[in-house]
Amino acid sequence: MQIGIVGAGRMGGNMALRLLRGGHKVAIQDINPAACAAIAEQGAAGYLTLAEMVAGLAAPRTVWLMVPAGKITDGAIAALADLLEPGDTLIDGGNSHFKDSVARSAMLAPKGIDFLDAGTSGGVFGLERGYCLMIGGAKAAVERNAPIFATLAPGAGEIERTPARIVGKLADTAEQGWLHCGPSGAGHYVKMVHNGIEYGMMQAYAEGFALLATADGPKVPEERRYDLDTGAIAELWRRGSVVTSWLLDLSADAMADNPDLAPYSPQVQDSGEGRWTVEASLEQEVSTPVLTMSLYERYRSRLSDGFGDRLLSAMRFKFGGHTAPK
């Protein structure tokens, strides 16, 4: 297929490269000439303006936004609303609020433009590992763009099938790493909750390793002080433990490289989805104490300096390239 991607940053650029490797024709637009040129050198058609990119795509067009949520996304969607035509598809792959996605879909519908919200997880490793895609919008538009989703997604790979799915003869695209989750907003809603869970998981690792790192502290009786190698323990847990995960893999790598995590900031940032998850839990009257406290802990981290906080920053840097102030 042919696709236009707006945004040649860490995510958008790598997604363009993965699609090129999968045999798709890719147009890339970015206001940064160097970013555009880097992707164009790999076979994409590079454009510095949205109008030029849209003009260079054959109808029906598919344009995928990979730009920061908020005003930048608002501006791009407003501009594309005037450039795209009936039958075209606009996909927002950024971390937009799901309620905004519902409104954007409603705004574009009278123009005959299909809007899909695609929650995208994969970070800086997505080029090689693939991207987990959570998609909301009209079924026909999802099916029309299925080849794009299939190429960006990881595929089944070497992950064993879930036994109950085999017995129940369940088969859907979830096993390929992408899923049509429901109507407009559903994709970004699922991604929001995904990131809320991510906060909780990261916090659990951070607190556990903070305990291990301080087991020889002055507040512990001398006969029970343990000088523990947190990096080695992380490596140990990667192998056969029930707490193994990709986040643990990244933690082990960070601690093997820097045992004290000194290069990482203790000030843990949040990008919005954790807050939105807590807001949704209040609106739906669902108890989410772990997710809520993990968000509050990020606020608290900005007033302290602890090993666990540095591990949180290390995980954020490892999977997404996120940096935090020192």
C-alpha atoms as a PDB file:
ATOM      1  CA  MET A   1       0.000   0.000   0.000  1.00  0.00           C
ATOM      2  CA  GLN A   2       0.850   3.674  -0.169  1.00  0.00           C
ATOM      3  CA  ILE A   3       0.859   5.726   3.028  1.00  0.00           C
ATOM      4  CA  GLY A   4       1.853   9.181   4.165  1.00  0.00           C
ATOM      5  CA  ILE A   5       3.404   9.603   7.607  1.00  0.00           C
ATOM      6  CA  VAL A   6       3.463  12.978   9.326  1.00  0.00           C
ATOM      7  CA  GLY A   7       6.358  13.183  11.781  1.00  0.00           C
ATOM      8  CA  ALA A   8       9.846  11.767  11.258  1.00  0.00           C
ATOM      9  CA  GLY A   9      10.825  11.576  14.914  1.00  0.00           C
ATOM     10  CA  ARG A  10      11.811   8.490  16.955  1.00  0.00           C
ATOM     11  CA  MET A  11       8.503   6.722  16.403  1.00  0.00           C
ATOM     12  CA  GLY A  12       7.322   8.091  13.057  1.00  0.00           C
ATOM     13  CA  GLY A  13      10.688   7.695  11.390  1.00  0.00           C
ATOM     14  CA  ASN A  14      11.102   4.093  12.502  1.00  0.00           C
ATOM     15  CA  MET A  15       7.536   3.249  11.497  1.00  0.00           C
ATOM     16  CA  ALA A  16       8.252   4.634   8.034  1.00  0.00           C
ATOM     17  CA  LEU A  17      11.367   2.468   7.792  1.00  0.00           C
ATOM     18  CA  ARG A  18       9.482  -0.659   8.904  1.00  0.00           C
ATOM     19  CA  LEU A  19       6.812  -0.032   6.280  1.00  0.00           C
ATOM     20  CA  LEU A  20       9.460   0.491   3.605  1.00  0.00           C
ATOM     21  CA  ARG A  21      11.073  -2.801   4.578  1.00  0.00           C
ATOM     22  CA  GLY A  22       7.638  -4.410   4.260  1.00  0.00           C
ATOM     23  CA  GLY A  23       7.303  -3.290   0.654  1.00  0.00           C
ATOM     24  CA  HIS A  24       4.934  -0.344   1.130  1.00  0.00           C
ATOM     25  CA  LYS A  25       5.321   3.007  -0.630  1.00  0.00           C
ATOM     26  CA  VAL A  26       5.920   5.654   2.014  1.00  0.00           C
ATOM     27  CA  ALA A  27       5.715   9.434   1.889  1.00  0.00           C
ATOM     28  CA  ILE A  28       7.165  11.227   4.928  1.00  0.00           C
ATOM     29  CA  GLN A  29       6.451  14.813   5.991  1.00  0.00           C
ATOM     30  CA  ASP A  30       8.318  16.771   8.623  1.00  0.00           C
ATOM     31  CA  ILE A  31       9.151  20.450   9.036  1.00  0.00           C
ATOM     32  CA  ASN A  32      12.742  19.380   9.783  1.00  0.00           C
ATOM     33  CA  PRO A  33      14.542  18.950   6.420  1.00  0.00           C
ATOM     34  CA  ALA A  34      17.251  16.733   7.930  1.00  0.00           C
ATOM     35  CA  ALA A  35      14.701  14.344   9.467  1.00  0.00           C
ATOM     36  CA  CYS A  36      12.850  14.110   6.152  1.00  0.00           C
ATOM     37  CA  ALA A  37      16.060  13.560   4.197  1.00  0.00           C
ATOM     38  CA  ALA A  38      17.177  10.730   6.496  1.00  0.00           C
ATOM     39  CA  ILE A  39      14.015   8.732   5.749  1.00  0.00           C
ATOM     40  CA  ALA A  40      14.019   9.716   2.064  1.00  0.00           C
ATOM     41  CA  GLU A  41      17.505   8.241   1.735  1.00  0.00           C
ATOM     42  CA  GLN A  42      15.967   4.879   2.645  1.00  0.00           C
ATOM     43  CA  GLY A  43      13.420   5.049  -0.180  1.00  0.00           C
ATOM     44  CA  ALA A  44      10.581   7.264   1.079  1.00  0.00           C
ATOM     45  CA  ALA A  45       9.297  10.338  -0.729  1.00  0.00           C
ATOM     46  CA  GLY A  46      10.117  13.316   1.484  1.00  0.00           C
ATOM     47  CA  TYR A  47       7.969  16.440   1.834  1.00  0.00           C
ATOM     48  CA  LEU A  48       8.272  19.563   3.968  1.00  0.00           C
ATOM     49  CA  THR A  49       4.584  20.554   3.784  1.00  0.00           C
ATOM     50  CA  LEU A  50       1.343  18.661   4.284  1.00  0.00           C
ATOM     51  CA  ALA A  51      -0.121  20.015   1.053  1.00  0.00           C
ATOM     52  CA  GLU A  52       2.781  18.682  -0.996  1.00  0.00           C
ATOM     53  CA  MET A  53       2.558  15.279   0.643  1.00  0.00           C
ATOM     54  CA  VAL A  54      -1.198  14.932   0.150  1.00  0.00           C
ATOM     55  CA  ALA A  55      -0.839  15.994  -3.494  1.00  0.00           C
ATOM     56  CA  GLY A  56       1.769  13.299  -3.978  1.00  0.00           C
ATOM     57  CA  LEU A  57      -0.478  10.497  -2.681  1.00  0.00           C
ATOM     58  CA  ALA A  58      -2.916   8.621  -4.888  1.00  0.00           C
ATOM     59  CA  ALA A  59      -6.550   8.401  -3.773  1.00  0.00           C
ATOM     60  CA  PRO A  60      -7.872   6.868  -1.619  1.00  0.00           C
ATOM     61  CA  ARG A  61      -5.152   8.177   0.667  1.00  0.00           C
ATOM     62  CA  THR A  62      -4.028   7.039   4.087  1.00  0.00           C
ATOM     63  CA  VAL A  63      -2.191   9.555   6.271  1.00  0.00           C
ATOM     64  CA  TRP A  64      -0.779   8.534   9.661  1.00  0.00           C
ATOM     65  CA  LEU A  65       0.017  11.190  12.268  1.00  0.00           C
ATOM     66  CA  MET A  66       2.946  10.535  14.622  1.00  0.00           C
ATOM     67  CA  VAL A  67       3.309  13.924  16.288  1.00  0.00           C
ATOM     68  CA  PRO A  68       2.981  15.079  19.922  1.00  0.00           C
ATOM     69  CA  ALA A  69      -0.555  15.037  21.319  1.00  0.00           C
ATOM     70  CA  GLY A  70      -2.277  18.336  21.924  1.00  0.00           C
ATOM     71  CA  LYS A  71      -1.932  21.527  19.897  1.00  0.00           C
ATOM     72  CA  ILE A  72       0.422  20.030  17.307  1.00  0.00           C
ATOM     73  CA  THR A  73      -1.989  17.179  16.595  1.00  0.00           C
ATOM     74  CA  ASP A  74      -4.927  19.619  16.565  1.00  0.00           C
ATOM     75  CA  GLY A  75      -3.186  21.788  13.989  1.00  0.00           C
ATOM     76  CA  ALA A  76      -2.224  18.877  11.748  1.00  0.00           C
ATOM     77  CA  ILE A  77      -5.747  17.421  11.788  1.00  0.00           C
ATOM     78  CA  ALA A  78      -7.289  20.818  11.015  1.00  0.00           C
ATOM     79  CA  ALA A  79      -4.937  21.278   8.065  1.00  0.00           C
ATOM     80  CA  LEU A  80      -5.482  17.753   6.741  1.00  0.00           C
ATOM     81  CA  ALA A  81      -9.252  18.134   7.043  1.00  0.00           C
ATOM     82  CA  ASP A  82      -9.009  20.735   4.290  1.00  0.00           C
ATOM     83  CA  LEU A  83      -6.579  18.738   2.160  1.00  0.00           C
ATOM     84  CA  LEU A  84      -7.973  15.194   2.238  1.00  0.00           C
ATOM     85  CA  GLU A  85     -10.980  14.015   0.222  1.00  0.00           C
ATOM     86  CA  PRO A  86     -13.959  11.686   0.773  1.00  0.00           C
ATOM     87  CA  GLY A  87     -12.751   8.096   1.045  1.00  0.00           C
ATOM     88  CA  ASP A  88      -9.390   9.043   2.528  1.00  0.00           C
ATOM     89  CA  THR A  89      -8.286   7.795   5.965  1.00  0.00           C
ATOM     90  CA  LEU A  90      -6.571   9.824   8.676  1.00  0.00           C
ATOM     91  CA  ILE A  91      -4.916   7.854  11.487  1.00  0.00           C
ATOM     92  CA  ASP A  92      -3.722   9.372  14.757  1.00  0.00           C
ATOM     93  CA  GLY A  93      -1.033   7.100  16.191  1.00  0.00           C
ATOM     94  CA  GLY A  94       0.006   9.474  18.964  1.00  0.00           C
ATOM     95  CA  ASN A  95      -1.014   9.434  22.616  1.00  0.00           C
ATOM     96  CA  SER A  96      -4.131  11.571  22.234  1.00  0.00           C
ATOM     97  CA  HIS A  97      -6.962  11.568  24.774  1.00  0.00           C
ATOM     98  CA  PHE A  98      -9.659   9.146  23.658  1.00  0.00           C
ATOM     99  CA  LYS A  99     -12.372  11.794  24.091  1.00  0.00           C
ATOM    100  CA  ASP A 100     -10.516  14.026  21.626  1.00  0.00           C
ATOM    101  CA  SER A 101     -10.465  11.133  19.163  1.00  0.00           C
ATOM    102  CA  VAL A 102     -14.235  10.758  19.396  1.00  0.00           C
ATOM    103  CA  ALA A 103     -14.647  14.477  18.658  1.00  0.00           C
ATOM    104  CA  ARG A 104     -12.166  14.403  15.768  1.00  0.00           C
ATOM    105  CA  SER A 105     -13.926  11.464  14.164  1.00  0.00           C
ATOM    106  CA  ALA A 106     -17.257  13.302  14.388  1.00  0.00           C
ATOM    107  CA  MET A 107     -15.692  16.428  12.884  1.00  0.00           C
ATOM    108  CA  LEU A 108     -14.259  14.556   9.884  1.00  0.00           C
ATOM    109  CA  ALA A 109     -17.278  12.322   9.212  1.00  0.00           C
ATOM    110  CA  PRO A 110     -19.322  14.971   7.290  1.00  0.00           C
ATOM    111  CA  LYS A 111     -16.337  15.406   4.961  1.00  0.00           C
ATOM    112  CA  GLY A 112     -16.317  11.674   4.195  1.00  0.00           C
ATOM    113  CA  ILE A 113     -12.891  11.253   5.790  1.00  0.00           C
ATOM    114  CA  ASP A 114     -12.438   8.159   7.961  1.00  0.00           C
ATOM    115  CA  PHE A 115     -10.643   8.790  11.244  1.00  0.00           C
ATOM    116  CA  LEU A 116      -8.895   5.965  13.095  1.00  0.00           C
ATOM    117  CA  ASP A 117      -7.270   6.303  16.519  1.00  0.00           C
ATOM    118  CA  ALA A 118      -4.339   3.914  16.800  1.00  0.00           C
ATOM    119  CA  GLY A 119      -2.773   3.480  20.222  1.00  0.00           C
ATOM    120  CA  THR A 120       0.832   2.544  19.443  1.00  0.00           C
ATOM    121  CA  SER A 121       3.218   0.779  21.803  1.00  0.00           C
ATOM    122  CA  GLY A 122       6.749  -0.253  20.947  1.00  0.00           C
ATOM    123  CA  GLY A 123       8.950   2.732  21.658  1.00  0.00           C
ATOM    124  CA  VAL A 124      12.397   3.006  20.133  1.00  0.00           C
ATOM    125  CA  PHE A 125      12.572  -0.777  19.618  1.00  0.00           C
ATOM    126  CA  GLY A 126       9.541  -0.894  17.320  1.00  0.00           C
ATOM    127  CA  LEU A 127      11.550  -0.870  14.116  1.00  0.00           C
ATOM    128  CA  GLU A 128      12.895  -4.352  14.856  1.00  0.00           C
ATOM    129  CA  ARG A 129      10.326  -5.716  17.337  1.00  0.00           C
ATOM    130  CA  GLY A 130       7.211  -4.283  15.727  1.00  0.00           C
ATOM    131  CA  TYR A 131       4.457  -2.141  17.253  1.00  0.00           C
ATOM    132  CA  CYS A 132       1.492  -3.294  19.298  1.00  0.00           C
ATOM    133  CA  LEU A 133      -1.477  -1.458  17.762  1.00  0.00           C
ATOM    134  CA  MET A 134      -4.821  -0.751  19.453  1.00  0.00           C
ATOM    135  CA  ILE A 135      -7.230   0.677  16.874  1.00  0.00           C
ATOM    136  CA  GLY A 136     -10.563   2.469  17.106  1.00  0.00           C
ATOM    137  CA  GLY A 137     -12.859   3.547  14.273  1.00  0.00           C
ATOM    138  CA  ALA A 138     -15.060   2.235  11.492  1.00  0.00           C
ATOM    139  CA  LYS A 139     -14.589  -1.434  10.633  1.00  0.00           C
ATOM    140  CA  ALA A 140     -14.435  -0.810   6.872  1.00  0.00           C
ATOM    141  CA  ALA A 141     -11.602   1.708   7.262  1.00  0.00           C
ATOM    142  CA  VAL A 142      -9.700  -0.678   9.537  1.00  0.00           C
ATOM    143  CA  GLU A 143     -10.047  -3.520   7.040  1.00  0.00           C
ATOM    144  CA  ARG A 144      -8.968  -1.284   4.155  1.00  0.00           C
ATOM    145  CA  ASN A 145      -5.750  -0.422   6.001  1.00  0.00           C
ATOM    146  CA  ALA A 146      -5.126  -3.901   7.424  1.00  0.00           C
ATOM    147  CA  PRO A 147      -1.946  -4.437   5.326  1.00  0.00           C
ATOM    148  CA  ILE A 148      -0.413  -1.369   7.022  1.00  0.00           C
ATOM    149  CA  PHE A 149      -1.295  -2.622  10.498  1.00  0.00           C
ATOM    150  CA  ALA A 150      -0.049  -6.135   9.725  1.00  0.00           C
ATOM    151  CA  THR A 151       3.354  -4.814   8.616  1.00  0.00           C
ATOM    152  CA  LEU A 152       3.817  -2.516  11.592  1.00  0.00           C
ATOM    153  CA  ALA A 153       2.725  -5.172  14.112  1.00  0.00           C
ATOM    154  CA  PRO A 154       5.170  -7.787  15.443  1.00  0.00           C
ATOM    155  CA  GLY A 155       3.280 -10.802  14.083  1.00  0.00           C
ATOM    156  CA  ALA A 156       2.898 -14.037  16.031  1.00  0.00           C
ATOM    157  CA  GLY A 157       6.647 -14.559  16.266  1.00  0.00           C
ATOM    158  CA  GLU A 158       7.853 -17.198  18.708  1.00  0.00           C
ATOM    159  CA  ILE A 159       5.286 -16.454  21.411  1.00  0.00           C
ATOM    160  CA  GLU A 160       3.305 -19.578  22.244  1.00  0.00           C
ATOM    161  CA  ARG A 161      -0.416 -19.427  21.594  1.00  0.00           C
ATOM    162  CA  THR A 162      -2.662 -19.056  24.642  1.00  0.00           C
ATOM    163  CA  PRO A 163      -3.932 -22.597  25.439  1.00  0.00           C
ATOM    164  CA  ALA A 164      -7.554 -21.556  25.970  1.00  0.00           C
ATOM    165  CA  ARG A 165      -7.590 -19.808  22.606  1.00  0.00           C
ATOM    166  CA  ILE A 166      -6.459 -23.009  20.945  1.00  0.00           C
ATOM    167  CA  VAL A 167      -9.162 -25.049  22.675  1.00  0.00           C
ATOM    168  CA  GLY A 168     -11.814 -22.444  21.904  1.00  0.00           C
ATOM    169  CA  LYS A 169     -10.559 -22.087  18.330  1.00  0.00           C
ATOM    170  CA  LEU A 170     -10.280 -18.333  18.803  1.00  0.00           C
ATOM    171  CA  ALA A 171      -8.548 -16.568  15.953  1.00  0.00           C
ATOM    172  CA  ASP A 172      -8.230 -12.815  15.496  1.00  0.00           C
ATOM    173  CA  THR A 173      -5.546 -10.286  14.727  1.00  0.00           C
ATOM    174  CA  ALA A 174      -4.680  -9.878  18.418  1.00  0.00           C
ATOM    175  CA  GLU A 175      -2.286 -12.805  18.033  1.00  0.00           C
ATOM    176  CA  GLN A 176      -0.535 -10.825  15.296  1.00  0.00           C
ATOM    177  CA  GLY A 177      -0.054  -7.797  17.562  1.00  0.00           C
ATOM    178  CA  TRP A 178      -2.850  -5.531  16.332  1.00  0.00           C
ATOM    179  CA  LEU A 179      -6.560  -5.331  17.067  1.00  0.00           C
ATOM    180  CA  HIS A 180      -9.638  -3.363  16.063  1.00  0.00           C
ATOM    181  CA  CYS A 181     -10.807  -2.581  19.597  1.00  0.00           C
ATOM    182  CA  GLY A 182     -14.086  -0.833  18.765  1.00  0.00           C
ATOM    183  CA  PRO A 183     -15.554   2.464  17.481  1.00  0.00           C
ATOM    184  CA  SER A 184     -13.882   5.870  17.545  1.00  0.00           C
ATOM    185  CA  GLY A 185     -11.868   6.464  20.701  1.00  0.00           C
ATOM    186  CA  ALA A 186     -11.618   2.787  21.640  1.00  0.00           C
ATOM    187  CA  GLY A 187      -8.039   2.466  20.434  1.00  0.00           C
ATOM    188  CA  HIS A 188      -6.766   5.417  22.428  1.00  0.00           C
ATOM    189  CA  TYR A 189      -8.836   4.340  25.439  1.00  0.00           C
ATOM    190  CA  VAL A 190      -7.180   0.902  25.447  1.00  0.00           C
ATOM    191  CA  LYS A 191      -3.739   2.504  25.004  1.00  0.00           C
ATOM    192  CA  MET A 192      -4.474   4.877  27.893  1.00  0.00           C
ATOM    193  CA  VAL A 193      -5.260   1.978  30.222  1.00  0.00           C
ATOM    194  CA  HIS A 194      -2.199   0.118  28.878  1.00  0.00           C
ATOM    195  CA  ASN A 195      -0.010   3.038  29.937  1.00  0.00           C
ATOM    196  CA  GLY A 196      -1.750   3.268  33.307  1.00  0.00           C
ATOM    197  CA  ILE A 197      -0.886  -0.400  33.909  1.00  0.00           C
ATOM    198  CA  GLU A 198       2.646   0.335  32.742  1.00  0.00           C
ATOM    199  CA  TYR A 199       2.948   2.965  35.480  1.00  0.00           C
ATOM    200  CA  GLY A 200       1.924   0.401  38.104  1.00  0.00           C
ATOM    201  CA  MET A 201       4.296  -2.294  36.848  1.00  0.00           C
ATOM    202  CA  MET A 202       7.219   0.100  36.706  1.00  0.00           C
ATOM    203  CA  GLN A 203       6.463   1.350  40.210  1.00  0.00           C
ATOM    204  CA  ALA A 204       6.412  -2.197  41.573  1.00  0.00           C
ATOM    205  CA  TYR A 205       9.848  -2.923  40.100  1.00  0.00           C
ATOM    206  CA  ALA A 206      11.184   0.414  41.358  1.00  0.00           C
ATOM    207  CA  GLU A 207      10.002  -0.179  44.929  1.00  0.00           C
ATOM    208  CA  GLY A 208      11.264  -3.750  45.007  1.00  0.00           C
ATOM    209  CA  PHE A 209      14.722  -2.891  43.752  1.00  0.00           C
ATOM    210  CA  ALA A 210      14.875   0.103  46.108  1.00  0.00           C
ATOM    211  CA  LEU A 211      14.419  -2.370  48.966  1.00  0.00           C
ATOM    212  CA  LEU A 212      17.191  -4.578  47.625  1.00  0.00           C
ATOM    213  CA  ALA A 213      19.512  -1.599  47.117  1.00  0.00           C
ATOM    214  CA  THR A 214      19.094  -0.409  50.719  1.00  0.00           C
ATOM    215  CA  ALA A 215      19.200  -3.804  52.454  1.00  0.00           C
ATOM    216  CA  ASP A 216      22.604  -2.904  53.922  1.00  0.00           C
ATOM    217  CA  GLY A 217      21.544   0.542  55.129  1.00  0.00           C
ATOM    218  CA  PRO A 218      22.230   1.962  58.607  1.00  0.00           C
ATOM    219  CA  LYS A 219      18.619   1.453  59.713  1.00  0.00           C
ATOM    220  CA  VAL A 220      18.966  -2.322  59.291  1.00  0.00           C
ATOM    221  CA  PRO A 221      20.475  -4.328  62.216  1.00  0.00           C
ATOM    222  CA  GLU A 222      24.030  -5.359  61.372  1.00  0.00           C
ATOM    223  CA  GLU A 223      23.274  -9.085  61.525  1.00  0.00           C
ATOM    224  CA  ARG A 224      20.615  -8.620  58.830  1.00  0.00           C
ATOM    225  CA  ARG A 225      22.447  -6.313  56.454  1.00  0.00           C
ATOM    226  CA  TYR A 226      22.802  -7.693  52.950  1.00  0.00           C
ATOM    227  CA  ASP A 227      25.057  -6.149  50.324  1.00  0.00           C
ATOM    228  CA  LEU A 228      23.010  -7.262  47.316  1.00  0.00           C
ATOM    229  CA  ASP A 229      23.925  -7.020  43.645  1.00  0.00           C
ATOM    230  CA  THR A 230      20.714  -5.613  42.201  1.00  0.00           C
ATOM    231  CA  GLY A 231      21.904  -6.044  38.610  1.00  0.00           C
ATOM    232  CA  ALA A 232      22.628  -9.724  39.140  1.00  0.00           C
ATOM    233  CA  ILE A 233      19.266 -10.225  40.854  1.00  0.00           C
ATOM    234  CA  ALA A 234      17.496  -8.574  37.930  1.00  0.00           C
ATOM    235  CA  GLU A 235      19.328 -10.924  35.597  1.00  0.00           C
ATOM    236  CA  LEU A 236      18.404 -13.876  37.803  1.00  0.00           C
ATOM    237  CA  TRP A 237      14.715 -12.947  37.754  1.00  0.00           C
ATOM    238  CA  ARG A 238      14.750 -12.702  33.961  1.00  0.00           C
ATOM    239  CA  ARG A 239      15.235 -16.465  33.854  1.00  0.00           C
ATOM    240  CA  GLY A 240      12.298 -18.563  34.989  1.00  0.00           C
ATOM    241  CA  SER A 241      10.813 -16.087  37.443  1.00  0.00           C
ATOM    242  CA  VAL A 242       7.112 -15.204  37.436  1.00  0.00           C
ATOM    243  CA  VAL A 243       8.008 -11.490  37.430  1.00  0.00           C
ATOM    244  CA  THR A 244       9.913 -11.618  34.168  1.00  0.00           C
ATOM    245  CA  SER A 245       8.934  -9.038  31.533  1.00  0.00           C
ATOM    246  CA  TRP A 246      10.402  -6.667  28.970  1.00  0.00           C
ATOM    247  CA  LEU A 247      10.504  -3.957  31.648  1.00  0.00           C
ATOM    248  CA  LEU A 248      12.651  -6.274  33.768  1.00  0.00           C
ATOM    249  CA  ASP A 249      14.875  -6.884  30.733  1.00  0.00           C
ATOM    250  CA  LEU A 250      15.391  -3.138  30.377  1.00  0.00           C
ATOM    251  CA  SER A 251      16.006  -2.746  34.123  1.00  0.00           C
ATOM    252  CA  ALA A 252      18.635  -5.486  34.082  1.00  0.00           C
ATOM    253  CA  ASP A 253      20.376  -3.798  31.174  1.00  0.00           C
ATOM    254  CA  ALA A 254      20.364  -0.408  32.914  1.00  0.00           C
ATOM    255  CA  MET A 255      21.794  -1.808  36.179  1.00  0.00           C
ATOM    256  CA  ALA A 256      24.416  -3.925  34.424  1.00  0.00           C
ATOM    257  CA  ASP A 257      25.649  -0.804  32.643  1.00  0.00           C
ATOM    258  CA  ASN A 258      25.422   1.521  35.670  1.00  0.00           C
ATOM    259  CA  PRO A 259      24.909  -0.314  38.991  1.00  0.00           C
ATOM    260  CA  ASP A 260      24.079   2.900  40.877  1.00  0.00           C
ATOM    261  CA  LEU A 261      21.959   4.285  38.003  1.00  0.00           C
ATOM    262  CA  ALA A 262      23.799   7.588  38.437  1.00  0.00           C
ATOM    263  CA  PRO A 263      23.237   8.774  34.829  1.00  0.00           C
ATOM    264  CA  TYR A 264      19.472   8.691  35.306  1.00  0.00           C
ATOM    265  CA  SER A 265      17.379  11.425  36.866  1.00  0.00           C
ATOM    266  CA  PRO A 266      15.365  10.676  40.024  1.00  0.00           C
ATOM    267  CA  GLN A 267      12.715  13.082  38.741  1.00  0.00           C
ATOM    268  CA  VAL A 268      10.279  10.764  36.983  1.00  0.00           C
ATOM    269  CA  GLN A 269       8.143  12.456  34.356  1.00  0.00           C
ATOM    270  CA  ASP A 270       4.652  11.490  33.216  1.00  0.00           C
ATOM    271  CA  SER A 271       3.286  11.991  29.705  1.00  0.00           C
ATOM    272  CA  GLY A 272      -0.431  12.275  30.468  1.00  0.00           C
ATOM    273  CA  GLU A 273      -1.909   8.822  30.025  1.00  0.00           C
ATOM    274  CA  GLY A 274      -1.496   7.951  33.711  1.00  0.00           C
ATOM    275  CA  ARG A 275      -3.506  11.012  34.694  1.00  0.00           C
ATOM    276  CA  TRP A 276      -6.199  10.218  32.125  1.00  0.00           C
ATOM    277  CA  THR A 277      -6.436   6.639  33.417  1.00  0.00           C
ATOM    278  CA  VAL A 278      -7.051   7.898  36.948  1.00  0.00           C
ATOM    279  CA  GLU A 279      -9.654  10.363  35.650  1.00  0.00           C
ATOM    280  CA  ALA A 280     -11.415   7.532  33.792  1.00  0.00           C
ATOM    281  CA  SER A 281     -11.422   5.393  36.940  1.00  0.00           C
ATOM    282  CA  LEU A 282     -13.155   8.199  38.817  1.00  0.00           C
ATOM    283  CA  GLU A 283     -15.684   8.690  36.036  1.00  0.00           C
ATOM    284  CA  GLN A 284     -16.424   4.958  35.828  1.00  0.00           C
ATOM    285  CA  GLU A 285     -16.288   4.490  39.610  1.00  0.00           C
ATOM    286  CA  VAL A 286     -13.686   1.718  39.327  1.00  0.00           C
ATOM    287  CA  SER A 287     -11.114   1.339  42.108  1.00  0.00           C
ATOM    288  CA  THR A 288      -7.550   1.665  40.783  1.00  0.00           C
ATOM    289  CA  PRO A 289      -5.352   2.199  43.871  1.00  0.00           C
ATOM    290  CA  VAL A 290      -2.144   0.805  42.347  1.00  0.00           C
ATOM    291  CA  LEU A 291      -2.401   2.859  39.164  1.00  0.00           C
ATOM    292  CA  THR A 292      -3.385   5.984  41.096  1.00  0.00           C
ATOM    293  CA  MET A 293      -0.559   5.729  43.633  1.00  0.00           C
ATOM    294  CA  SER A 294       1.992   5.044  40.898  1.00  0.00           C
ATOM    295  CA  LEU A 295       1.016   8.373  39.341  1.00  0.00           C
ATOM    296  CA  TYR A 296       1.323  10.166  42.707  1.00  0.00           C
ATOM    297  CA  GLU A 297       4.727   8.558  43.224  1.00  0.00           C
ATOM    298  CA  ARG A 298       5.933  10.203  40.034  1.00  0.00           C
ATOM    299  CA  TYR A 299       4.914  13.564  41.445  1.00  0.00           C
ATOM    300  CA  ARG A 300       6.650  12.716  44.740  1.00  0.00           C
ATOM    301  CA  SER A 301       9.849  11.718  42.899  1.00  0.00           C
ATOM    302  CA  ARG A 302      10.385  15.306  41.816  1.00  0.00           C
ATOM    303  CA  LEU A 303      11.142  16.199  45.427  1.00  0.00           C
ATOM    304  CA  SER A 304      13.588  13.416  46.273  1.00  0.00           C
ATOM    305  CA  ASP A 305      16.583  11.395  45.135  1.00  0.00           C
ATOM    306  CA  GLY A 306      16.212   7.619  45.367  1.00  0.00           C
ATOM    307  CA  PHE A 307      17.439   4.454  43.661  1.00  0.00           C
ATOM    308  CA  GLY A 308      13.900   3.385  42.775  1.00  0.00           C
ATOM    309  CA  ASP A 309      13.172   6.734  41.140  1.00  0.00           C
ATOM    310  CA  ARG A 310      16.329   6.461  39.043  1.00  0.00           C
ATOM    311  CA  LEU A 311      15.254   2.977  37.960  1.00  0.00           C
ATOM    312  CA  LEU A 312      11.899   4.378  36.816  1.00  0.00           C
ATOM    313  CA  SER A 313      13.734   6.988  34.734  1.00  0.00           C
ATOM    314  CA  ALA A 314      16.044   4.292  33.393  1.00  0.00           C
ATOM    315  CA  MET A 315      13.098   2.171  32.230  1.00  0.00           C
ATOM    316  CA  ARG A 316      11.451   5.184  30.565  1.00  0.00           C
ATOM    317  CA  PHE A 317      14.694   5.983  28.748  1.00  0.00           C
ATOM    318  CA  LYS A 318      15.314   2.394  27.718  1.00  0.00           C
ATOM    319  CA  PHE A 319      11.906   1.738  26.152  1.00  0.00           C
ATOM    320  CA  GLY A 320      10.991   5.179  24.867  1.00  0.00           C
ATOM    321  CA  GLY A 321      14.081   7.362  24.809  1.00  0.00           C
ATOM    322  CA  HIS A 322      12.446   9.648  27.401  1.00  0.00           C
ATOM    323  CA  THR A 323      14.825  11.924  29.295  1.00  0.00           C
ATOM    324  CA  ALA A 324      14.206  13.795  32.530  1.00  0.00           C
ATOM    325  CA  PRO A 325      15.838  16.826  34.165  1.00  0.00           C
ATOM    326  CA  LYS A 326      18.710  16.162  36.536  1.00  0.00           C
END
